[in-house]
Amino acid sequence: MKNRIIKLLTIFSLIFCLQIINAPTLQAQCPMCKMSAESNLKNGGTDGQGLNNGILYMLATPYVIVFGLGYFWWRNRKREEELELEENIHLN
């Protein structure tokens, strides 16, 4: 069972990494922000690209937090199982 979980996590991690690497350039802006950014870019500014990157950064933050919480839960659960196993060995 443990090997199966590790294989699944490895496969999902690989798929996630491949999706990140092959991701196309995204435009995550509302119409008004997009219009403002485009006019800034036409005038020679670079604020539009920074705005787009900031929006994508804010979009990724919840996923990173949930992944971190899941990892810490998994790590602590693993430790609890090891402690229970040690207690069972000592009782026998």
Protein backbone atom coordinates (compact mmCIF):
# COMPACT_ATOMS: atom_id res chain seq x y z
CA MET A 1 0.00 0.00 0.00
CA LYS A 2 2.81 2.36 0.91
CA ASN A 3 4.61 1.72 -2.38
CA ARG A 4 1.39 2.34 -4.30
CA ILE A 5 0.93 5.73 -2.62
CA ILE A 6 4.51 6.69 -3.38
CA LYS A 7 4.05 5.68 -7.04
CA LEU A 8 0.85 7.73 -7.30
CA LEU A 9 2.48 10.77 -5.71
CA THR A 10 5.44 10.44 -8.07
CA ILE A 11 3.17 10.24 -11.11
CA PHE A 12 1.08 13.23 -10.01
CA SER A 13 4.23 15.23 -9.25
CA LEU A 14 5.65 14.45 -12.68
CA ILE A 15 2.41 15.43 -14.41
CA PHE A 16 2.25 18.66 -12.39
CA CYS A 17 5.85 19.56 -13.27
CA LEU A 18 5.27 18.86 -16.96
CA GLN A 19 2.19 21.08 -16.95
CA ILE A 20 4.13 23.91 -15.32
CA ILE A 21 6.99 23.60 -17.82
CA ASN A 22 4.69 23.49 -20.87
CA ALA A 23 2.29 26.19 -19.69
CA PRO A 24 1.56 28.85 -22.31
CA THR A 25 1.78 32.54 -21.51
CA LEU A 26 -1.44 33.41 -19.70
CA GLN A 27 -3.32 36.69 -19.65
CA ALA A 28 -5.07 36.87 -16.28
CA GLN A 29 -6.51 40.37 -16.30
CA CYS A 30 -9.93 41.94 -16.21
CA PRO A 31 -10.90 44.02 -19.26
CA MET A 32 -10.23 47.37 -17.56
CA CYS A 33 -6.84 46.26 -16.24
CA LYS A 34 -6.00 44.82 -19.64
CA MET A 35 -6.88 48.08 -21.39
CA SER A 36 -4.80 50.07 -18.92
CA ALA A 37 -1.85 47.69 -19.27
CA GLU A 38 -2.03 47.71 -23.08
CA SER A 39 -2.02 51.51 -23.20
CA ASN A 40 0.96 51.53 -20.86
CA LEU A 41 2.81 49.02 -23.07
CA LYS A 42 2.05 51.09 -26.20
CA ASN A 43 3.62 54.11 -24.52
CA GLY A 44 6.80 52.13 -23.78
CA GLY A 45 6.10 51.13 -20.18
CA THR A 46 6.47 47.67 -18.64
CA ASP A 47 3.79 47.90 -15.92
CA GLY A 48 1.40 45.63 -17.83
CA GLN A 49 3.68 42.60 -17.68
CA GLY A 50 4.30 43.15 -13.97
CA LEU A 51 0.55 43.38 -13.35
CA ASN A 52 -0.05 40.10 -15.16
CA ASN A 53 2.74 38.35 -13.22
CA GLY A 54 1.32 39.66 -9.93
CA ILE A 55 -2.13 38.28 -10.72
CA LEU A 56 -0.69 34.87 -11.58
CA TYR A 57 1.38 34.92 -8.38
CA MET A 58 -1.74 35.60 -6.30
CA LEU A 59 -3.53 32.78 -8.12
CA ALA A 60 -0.79 30.26 -7.21
CA THR A 61 -0.58 31.20 -3.52
CA PRO A 62 -3.65 29.22 -2.28
CA TYR A 63 -2.42 26.10 -4.06
CA VAL A 64 1.00 26.37 -2.44
CA ILE A 65 -0.59 26.82 1.00
CA VAL A 66 -2.88 23.79 0.59
CA PHE A 67 0.04 21.67 -0.68
CA GLY A 68 2.15 22.74 2.32
CA LEU A 69 -0.59 21.89 4.80
CA GLY A 70 -1.14 18.51 3.14
CA TYR A 71 2.58 17.75 3.29
CA PHE A 72 2.84 18.61 6.98
CA TRP A 73 -0.27 16.51 7.73
CA TRP A 74 1.17 13.57 5.80
CA ARG A 75 4.56 13.87 7.54
CA ASN A 76 3.01 14.02 11.02
CA ARG A 77 0.67 11.12 10.26
CA LYS A 78 3.66 9.06 9.20
CA ARG A 79 5.43 9.85 12.48
CA GLU A 80 2.34 8.88 14.51
CA GLU A 81 2.17 5.52 12.73
CA GLU A 82 5.85 4.89 13.50
CA LEU A 83 5.30 5.74 17.19
CA GLU A 84 2.29 3.41 17.39
CA LEU A 85 4.33 0.64 15.80
CA GLU A 86 7.13 1.15 18.32
CA GLU A 87 4.62 1.09 21.20
CA ASN A 88 3.12 -2.16 19.91
CA ILE A 89 6.57 -3.72 19.67
CA HIS A 90 7.43 -2.70 23.23
CA LEU A 91 4.11 -4.02 24.57
CA ASN A 92 4.62 -7.43 22.99
